[in-house]
Amino acid sequence: MDIKEQIEKVVDKVKNDENFKKEFKKNPIEAVEKVSGIDIPDGMAEKLVAGVQAKLGADQASGAVDKLKKLF
């Protein structure tokens, strides 16, 4: 399993599906397993969730910087 690919897949789903976003916030491990279609071992699932959260945080920060650049 390609972890980076799975992270991108989940990030895309979170960004584009409001219901999935709520589900991810409520139970991130279950949500990640749902998108991947496989039962992921707990240690790996936690790493995937952390990767998704980090990517979402980075994307939000980048979006905020882009908005600030437009102001100037």
PDB file of N, CA and C in Angstrom:
ATOM      1  N   MET A   1       0.840  -1.170   0.000  1.00  0.00           N
ATOM      2  CA  MET A   1       0.000   0.000   0.000  1.00  0.00           C
ATOM      3  C   MET A   1       0.896   1.248   0.000  1.00  0.00           C
ATOM      4  N   ASP A   2       0.603   2.162  -0.886  1.00  0.00           N
ATOM      5  CA  ASP A   2       1.332   3.423  -0.974  1.00  0.00           C
ATOM      6  C   ASP A   2       0.689   4.428  -0.023  1.00  0.00           C
ATOM      7  N   ILE A   3       1.384   4.745   1.054  1.00  0.00           N
ATOM      8  CA  ILE A   3       0.824   5.610   2.095  1.00  0.00           C
ATOM      9  C   ILE A   3       0.550   7.012   1.564  1.00  0.00           C
ATOM     10  N   LYS A   4       1.478   7.558   0.784  1.00  0.00           N
ATOM     11  CA  LYS A   4       1.268   8.911   0.241  1.00  0.00           C
ATOM     12  C   LYS A   4       0.022   8.955  -0.629  1.00  0.00           C
ATOM     13  N   GLU A   5      -0.179   7.917  -1.408  1.00  0.00           N
ATOM     14  CA  GLU A   5      -1.360   7.843  -2.279  1.00  0.00           C
ATOM     15  C   GLU A   5      -2.633   7.804  -1.436  1.00  0.00           C
ATOM     16  N   GLN A   6      -2.622   7.015  -0.366  1.00  0.00           N
ATOM     17  CA  GLN A   6      -3.792   6.914   0.505  1.00  0.00           C
ATOM     18  C   GLN A   6      -4.073   8.246   1.200  1.00  0.00           C
ATOM     19  N   ILE A   7      -3.019   8.931   1.633  1.00  0.00           N
ATOM     20  CA  ILE A   7      -3.190  10.238   2.277  1.00  0.00           C
ATOM     21  C   ILE A   7      -3.847  11.214   1.307  1.00  0.00           C
ATOM     22  N   GLU A   8      -3.340  11.261   0.081  1.00  0.00           N
ATOM     23  CA  GLU A   8      -3.914  12.158  -0.933  1.00  0.00           C
ATOM     24  C   GLU A   8      -5.376  11.827  -1.206  1.00  0.00           C
ATOM     25  N   LYS A   9      -5.674  10.556  -1.246  1.00  0.00           N
ATOM     26  CA  LYS A   9      -7.033  10.096  -1.505  1.00  0.00           C
ATOM     27  C   LYS A   9      -7.984  10.581  -0.402  1.00  0.00           C
ATOM     28  N   VAL A  10      -7.560  10.438   0.846  1.00  0.00           N
ATOM     29  CA  VAL A  10      -8.390  10.854   1.971  1.00  0.00           C
ATOM     30  C   VAL A  10      -8.499  12.380   2.023  1.00  0.00           C
ATOM     31  N   VAL A  11      -7.400  13.079   1.800  1.00  0.00           N
ATOM     32  CA  VAL A  11      -7.416  14.541   1.807  1.00  0.00           C
ATOM     33  C   VAL A  11      -8.392  15.054   0.751  1.00  0.00           C
ATOM     34  N   ASP A  12      -8.348  14.485  -0.431  1.00  0.00           N
ATOM     35  CA  ASP A  12      -9.250  14.882  -1.508  1.00  0.00           C
ATOM     36  C   ASP A  12     -10.708  14.658  -1.097  1.00  0.00           C
ATOM     37  N   LYS A  13     -10.970  13.527  -0.476  1.00  0.00           N
ATOM     38  CA  LYS A  13     -12.331  13.200  -0.038  1.00  0.00           C
ATOM     39  C   LYS A  13     -12.798  14.169   1.046  1.00  0.00           C
ATOM     40  N   VAL A  14     -11.915  14.504   1.994  1.00  0.00           N
ATOM     41  CA  VAL A  14     -12.271  15.437   3.061  1.00  0.00           C
ATOM     42  C   VAL A  14     -12.604  16.811   2.474  1.00  0.00           C
ATOM     43  N   LYS A  15     -11.809  17.247   1.511  1.00  0.00           N
ATOM     44  CA  LYS A  15     -12.010  18.569   0.912  1.00  0.00           C
ATOM     45  C   LYS A  15     -13.285  18.650   0.076  1.00  0.00           C
ATOM     46  N   ASN A  16     -13.677  17.540  -0.533  1.00  0.00           N
ATOM     47  CA  ASN A  16     -14.774  17.587  -1.499  1.00  0.00           C
ATOM     48  C   ASN A  16     -16.089  16.971  -1.033  1.00  0.00           C
ATOM     49  N   ASP A  17     -16.106  16.390   0.152  1.00  0.00           N
ATOM     50  CA  ASP A  17     -17.314  15.718   0.635  1.00  0.00           C
ATOM     51  C   ASP A  17     -17.564  16.138   2.081  1.00  0.00           C
ATOM     52  N   GLU A  18     -18.520  17.024   2.279  1.00  0.00           N
ATOM     53  CA  GLU A  18     -18.800  17.582   3.607  1.00  0.00           C
ATOM     54  C   GLU A  18     -19.204  16.491   4.602  1.00  0.00           C
ATOM     55  N   ASN A  19     -19.991  15.505   4.151  1.00  0.00           N
ATOM     56  CA  ASN A  19     -20.391  14.413   5.047  1.00  0.00           C
ATOM     57  C   ASN A  19     -19.175  13.598   5.477  1.00  0.00           C
ATOM     58  N   PHE A  20     -18.285  13.329   4.542  1.00  0.00           N
ATOM     59  CA  PHE A  20     -17.074  12.577   4.889  1.00  0.00           C
ATOM     60  C   PHE A  20     -16.193  13.389   5.823  1.00  0.00           C
ATOM     61  N   LYS A  21     -16.142  14.690   5.631  1.00  0.00           N
ATOM     62  CA  LYS A  21     -15.347  15.561   6.503  1.00  0.00           C
ATOM     63  C   LYS A  21     -15.834  15.436   7.950  1.00  0.00           C
ATOM     64  N   LYS A  22     -17.147  15.433   8.145  1.00  0.00           N
ATOM     65  CA  LYS A  22     -17.719  15.263   9.484  1.00  0.00           C
ATOM     66  C   LYS A  22     -17.372  13.886  10.038  1.00  0.00           C
ATOM     67  N   GLU A  23     -17.466  12.884   9.180  1.00  0.00           N
ATOM     68  CA  GLU A  23     -17.140  11.523   9.589  1.00  0.00           C
ATOM     69  C   GLU A  23     -15.663  11.415   9.979  1.00  0.00           C
ATOM     70  N   PHE A  24     -14.793  12.051   9.214  1.00  0.00           N
ATOM     71  CA  PHE A  24     -13.363  12.027   9.505  1.00  0.00           C
ATOM     72  C   PHE A  24     -13.072  12.690  10.853  1.00  0.00           C
ATOM     73  N   LYS A  25     -13.745  13.802  11.135  1.00  0.00           N
ATOM     74  CA  LYS A  25     -13.544  14.485  12.410  1.00  0.00           C
ATOM     75  C   LYS A  25     -14.041  13.630  13.577  1.00  0.00           C
ATOM     76  N   LYS A  26     -15.139  12.908  13.346  1.00  0.00           N
ATOM     77  CA  LYS A  26     -15.742  12.088  14.402  1.00  0.00           C
ATOM     78  C   LYS A  26     -14.934  10.818  14.669  1.00  0.00           C
ATOM     79  N   ASN A  27     -14.546  10.112  13.612  1.00  0.00           N
ATOM     80  CA  ASN A  27     -13.822   8.849  13.754  1.00  0.00           C
ATOM     81  C   ASN A  27     -12.833   8.715  12.599  1.00  0.00           C
ATOM     82  N   PRO A  28     -11.669   9.348  12.714  1.00  0.00           N
ATOM     83  CA  PRO A  28     -10.729   9.402  11.592  1.00  0.00           C
ATOM     84  C   PRO A  28     -10.207   8.042  11.131  1.00  0.00           C
ATOM     85  N   ILE A  29      -9.946   7.126  12.041  1.00  0.00           N
ATOM     86  CA  ILE A  29      -9.404   5.828  11.636  1.00  0.00           C
ATOM     87  C   ILE A  29     -10.427   5.065  10.802  1.00  0.00           C
ATOM     88  N   GLU A  30     -11.670   5.054  11.254  1.00  0.00           N
ATOM     89  CA  GLU A  30     -12.722   4.370  10.495  1.00  0.00           C
ATOM     90  C   GLU A  30     -12.913   5.017   9.123  1.00  0.00           C
ATOM     91  N   ALA A  31     -12.842   6.335   9.076  1.00  0.00           N
ATOM     92  CA  ALA A  31     -13.006   7.054   7.812  1.00  0.00           C
ATOM     93  C   ALA A  31     -11.885   6.715   6.837  1.00  0.00           C
ATOM     94  N   VAL A  32     -10.659   6.658   7.336  1.00  0.00           N
ATOM     95  CA  VAL A  32      -9.512   6.315   6.487  1.00  0.00           C
ATOM     96  C   VAL A  32      -9.667   4.895   5.943  1.00  0.00           C
ATOM     97  N   GLU A  33     -10.089   3.978   6.792  1.00  0.00           N
ATOM     98  CA  GLU A  33     -10.279   2.597   6.346  1.00  0.00           C
ATOM     99  C   GLU A  33     -11.387   2.512   5.294  1.00  0.00           C
ATOM    100  N   LYS A  34     -12.420   3.320   5.463  1.00  0.00           N
ATOM    101  CA  LYS A  34     -13.534   3.325   4.504  1.00  0.00           C
ATOM    102  C   LYS A  34     -13.056   3.756   3.118  1.00  0.00           C
ATOM    103  N   VAL A  35     -12.243   4.804   3.072  1.00  0.00           N
ATOM    104  CA  VAL A  35     -11.748   5.314   1.787  1.00  0.00           C
ATOM    105  C   VAL A  35     -10.763   4.337   1.156  1.00  0.00           C
ATOM    106  N   SER A  36      -9.897   3.752   1.974  1.00  0.00           N
ATOM    107  CA  SER A  36      -8.879   2.845   1.433  1.00  0.00           C
ATOM    108  C   SER A  36      -9.483   1.509   1.011  1.00  0.00           C
ATOM    109  N   GLY A  37     -10.599   1.151   1.645  1.00  0.00           N
ATOM    110  CA  GLY A  37     -11.249  -0.108   1.294  1.00  0.00           C
ATOM    111  C   GLY A  37     -10.623  -1.328   1.946  1.00  0.00           C
ATOM    112  N   ILE A  38      -9.702  -1.114   2.869  1.00  0.00           N
ATOM    113  CA  ILE A  38      -9.065  -2.234   3.559  1.00  0.00           C
ATOM    114  C   ILE A  38      -9.017  -1.973   5.059  1.00  0.00           C
ATOM    115  N   ASP A  39      -8.886  -3.060   5.825  1.00  0.00           N
ATOM    116  CA  ASP A  39      -8.734  -2.949   7.269  1.00  0.00           C
ATOM    117  C   ASP A  39      -7.260  -2.681   7.547  1.00  0.00           C
ATOM    118  N   ILE A  40      -6.959  -1.482   7.954  1.00  0.00           N
ATOM    119  CA  ILE A  40      -5.570  -1.069   8.152  1.00  0.00           C
ATOM    120  C   ILE A  40      -5.177  -1.354   9.606  1.00  0.00           C
ATOM    121  N   PRO A  41      -4.015  -1.959   9.825  1.00  0.00           N
ATOM    122  CA  PRO A  41      -3.554  -2.177  11.205  1.00  0.00           C
ATOM    123  C   PRO A  41      -3.489  -0.853  11.964  1.00  0.00           C
ATOM    124  N   ASP A  42      -3.806  -0.906  13.264  1.00  0.00           N
ATOM    125  CA  ASP A  42      -3.929   0.315  14.069  1.00  0.00           C
ATOM    126  C   ASP A  42      -2.736   1.248  13.957  1.00  0.00           C
ATOM    127  N   GLY A  43      -1.533   0.763  14.077  1.00  0.00           N
ATOM    128  CA  GLY A  43      -0.346   1.615  14.004  1.00  0.00           C
ATOM    129  C   GLY A  43      -0.247   2.357  12.686  1.00  0.00           C
ATOM    130  N   MET A  44      -0.554   1.664  11.609  1.00  0.00           N
ATOM    131  CA  MET A  44      -0.488   2.284  10.287  1.00  0.00           C
ATOM    132  C   MET A  44      -1.648   3.260  10.098  1.00  0.00           C
ATOM    133  N   ALA A  45      -2.827   2.914  10.595  1.00  0.00           N
ATOM    134  CA  ALA A  45      -3.990   3.791  10.458  1.00  0.00           C
ATOM    135  C   ALA A  45      -3.739   5.113  11.167  1.00  0.00           C
ATOM    136  N   GLU A  46      -3.119   5.045  12.341  1.00  0.00           N
ATOM    137  CA  GLU A  46      -2.823   6.275  13.080  1.00  0.00           C
ATOM    138  C   GLU A  46      -1.836   7.152  12.317  1.00  0.00           C
ATOM    139  N   LYS A  47      -0.873   6.525  11.652  1.00  0.00           N
ATOM    140  CA  LYS A  47       0.089   7.287  10.839  1.00  0.00           C
ATOM    141  C   LYS A  47      -0.607   7.928   9.646  1.00  0.00           C
ATOM    142  N   LEU A  48      -1.534   7.195   9.028  1.00  0.00           N
ATOM    143  CA  LEU A  48      -2.288   7.752   7.906  1.00  0.00           C
ATOM    144  C   LEU A  48      -3.119   8.948   8.354  1.00  0.00           C
ATOM    145  N   VAL A  49      -3.791   8.810   9.486  1.00  0.00           N
ATOM    146  CA  VAL A  49      -4.604   9.907  10.014  1.00  0.00           C
ATOM    147  C   VAL A  49      -3.727  11.122  10.293  1.00  0.00           C
ATOM    148  N   ALA A  50      -2.579  10.900  10.914  1.00  0.00           N
ATOM    149  CA  ALA A  50      -1.656  12.009  11.198  1.00  0.00           C
ATOM    150  C   ALA A  50      -1.189  12.665   9.905  1.00  0.00           C
ATOM    151  N   GLY A  51      -0.919  11.867   8.892  1.00  0.00           N
ATOM    152  CA  GLY A  51      -0.501  12.396   7.591  1.00  0.00           C
ATOM    153  C   GLY A  51      -1.588  13.228   6.941  1.00  0.00           C
ATOM    154  N   VAL A  52      -2.823  12.755   7.019  1.00  0.00           N
ATOM    155  CA  VAL A  52      -3.956  13.487   6.450  1.00  0.00           C
ATOM    156  C   VAL A  52      -4.136  14.809   7.194  1.00  0.00           C
ATOM    157  N   GLN A  53      -4.092  14.756   8.522  1.00  0.00           N
ATOM    158  CA  GLN A  53      -4.265  15.976   9.304  1.00  0.00           C
ATOM    159  C   GLN A  53      -3.151  16.984   9.013  1.00  0.00           C
ATOM    160  N   ALA A  54      -1.932  16.497   8.874  1.00  0.00           N
ATOM    161  CA  ALA A  54      -0.811  17.386   8.555  1.00  0.00           C
ATOM    162  C   ALA A  54      -0.995  18.012   7.180  1.00  0.00           C
ATOM    163  N   LYS A  55      -1.405  17.217   6.203  1.00  0.00           N
ATOM    164  CA  LYS A  55      -1.608  17.711   4.837  1.00  0.00           C
ATOM    165  C   LYS A  55      -2.736  18.737   4.810  1.00  0.00           C
ATOM    166  N   LEU A  56      -3.815  18.465   5.519  1.00  0.00           N
ATOM    167  CA  LEU A  56      -4.927  19.414   5.562  1.00  0.00           C
ATOM    168  C   LEU A  56      -4.483  20.716   6.216  1.00  0.00           C
ATOM    169  N   GLY A  57      -3.717  20.628   7.278  1.00  0.00           N
ATOM    170  CA  GLY A  57      -3.207  21.822   7.951  1.00  0.00           C
ATOM    171  C   GLY A  57      -2.292  22.624   7.052  1.00  0.00           C
ATOM    172  N   ALA A  58      -1.429  21.936   6.318  1.00  0.00           N
ATOM    173  CA  ALA A  58      -0.509  22.611   5.405  1.00  0.00           C
ATOM    174  C   ALA A  58      -1.274  23.280   4.265  1.00  0.00           C
ATOM    175  N   ASP A  59      -2.287  22.599   3.749  1.00  0.00           N
ATOM    176  CA  ASP A  59      -3.084  23.168   2.667  1.00  0.00           C
ATOM    177  C   ASP A  59      -3.847  24.404   3.142  1.00  0.00           C
ATOM    178  N   GLN A  60      -4.372  24.361   4.366  1.00  0.00           N
ATOM    179  CA  GLN A  60      -5.096  25.507   4.900  1.00  0.00           C
ATOM    180  C   GLN A  60      -4.150  26.678   5.114  1.00  0.00           C
ATOM    181  N   ALA A  61      -2.958  26.391   5.618  1.00  0.00           N
ATOM    182  CA  ALA A  61      -1.969  27.458   5.825  1.00  0.00           C
ATOM    183  C   ALA A  61      -1.564  28.074   4.496  1.00  0.00           C
ATOM    184  N   SER A  62      -1.388  27.231   3.494  1.00  0.00           N
ATOM    185  CA  SER A  62      -1.012  27.717   2.173  1.00  0.00           C
ATOM    186  C   SER A  62      -2.114  28.599   1.597  1.00  0.00           C
ATOM    187  N   GLY A  63      -3.352  28.190   1.784  1.00  0.00           N
ATOM    188  CA  GLY A  63      -4.481  28.980   1.303  1.00  0.00           C
ATOM    189  C   GLY A  63      -4.544  30.338   1.986  1.00  0.00           C
ATOM    190  N   ALA A  64      -4.248  30.377   3.273  1.00  0.00           N
ATOM    191  CA  ALA A  64      -4.249  31.634   4.014  1.00  0.00           C
ATOM    192  C   ALA A  64      -3.141  32.558   3.505  1.00  0.00           C
ATOM    193  N   VAL A  65      -1.978  32.002   3.235  1.00  0.00           N
ATOM    194  CA  VAL A  65      -0.865  32.793   2.700  1.00  0.00           C
ATOM    195  C   VAL A  65      -1.222  33.345   1.328  1.00  0.00           C
ATOM    196  N   ASP A  66      -1.847  32.522   0.492  1.00  0.00           N
ATOM    197  CA  ASP A  66      -2.254  32.984  -0.835  1.00  0.00           C
ATOM    198  C   ASP A  66      -3.251  34.149  -0.734  1.00  0.00           C
ATOM    199  N   LYS A  67      -4.165  34.068   0.212  1.00  0.00           N
ATOM    200  CA  LYS A  67      -5.134  35.160   0.403  1.00  0.00           C
ATOM    201  C   LYS A  67      -4.431  36.438   0.857  1.00  0.00           C
ATOM    202  N   LEU A  68      -3.445  36.288   1.734  1.00  0.00           N
ATOM    203  CA  LEU A  68      -2.698  37.458   2.182  1.00  0.00           C
ATOM    204  C   LEU A  68      -1.912  38.097   1.038  1.00  0.00           C
ATOM    205  N   LYS A  69      -1.336  37.249   0.181  1.00  0.00           N
ATOM    206  CA  LYS A  69      -0.572  37.785  -0.954  1.00  0.00           C
ATOM    207  C   LYS A  69      -1.472  38.621  -1.861  1.00  0.00           C
ATOM    208  N   LYS A  70      -2.722  38.196  -2.023  1.00  0.00           N
ATOM    209  CA  LYS A  70      -3.647  38.928  -2.888  1.00  0.00           C
ATOM    210  C   LYS A  70      -3.981  40.303  -2.322  1.00  0.00           C
ATOM    211  N   LEU A  71      -3.895  40.428  -1.017  1.00  0.00           N
ATOM    212  CA  LEU A  71      -4.182  41.722  -0.387  1.00  0.00           C
ATOM    213  C   LEU A  71      -3.112  42.754  -0.708  1.00  0.00           C
ATOM    214  N   PHE A  72      -1.889  42.276  -0.956  1.00  0.00           N
ATOM    215  CA  PHE A  72      -0.765  43.173  -1.203  1.00  0.00           C
ATOM    216  C   PHE A  72      -0.437  43.125  -2.637  1.00  0.00           C
TER     217      PHE A  72
END
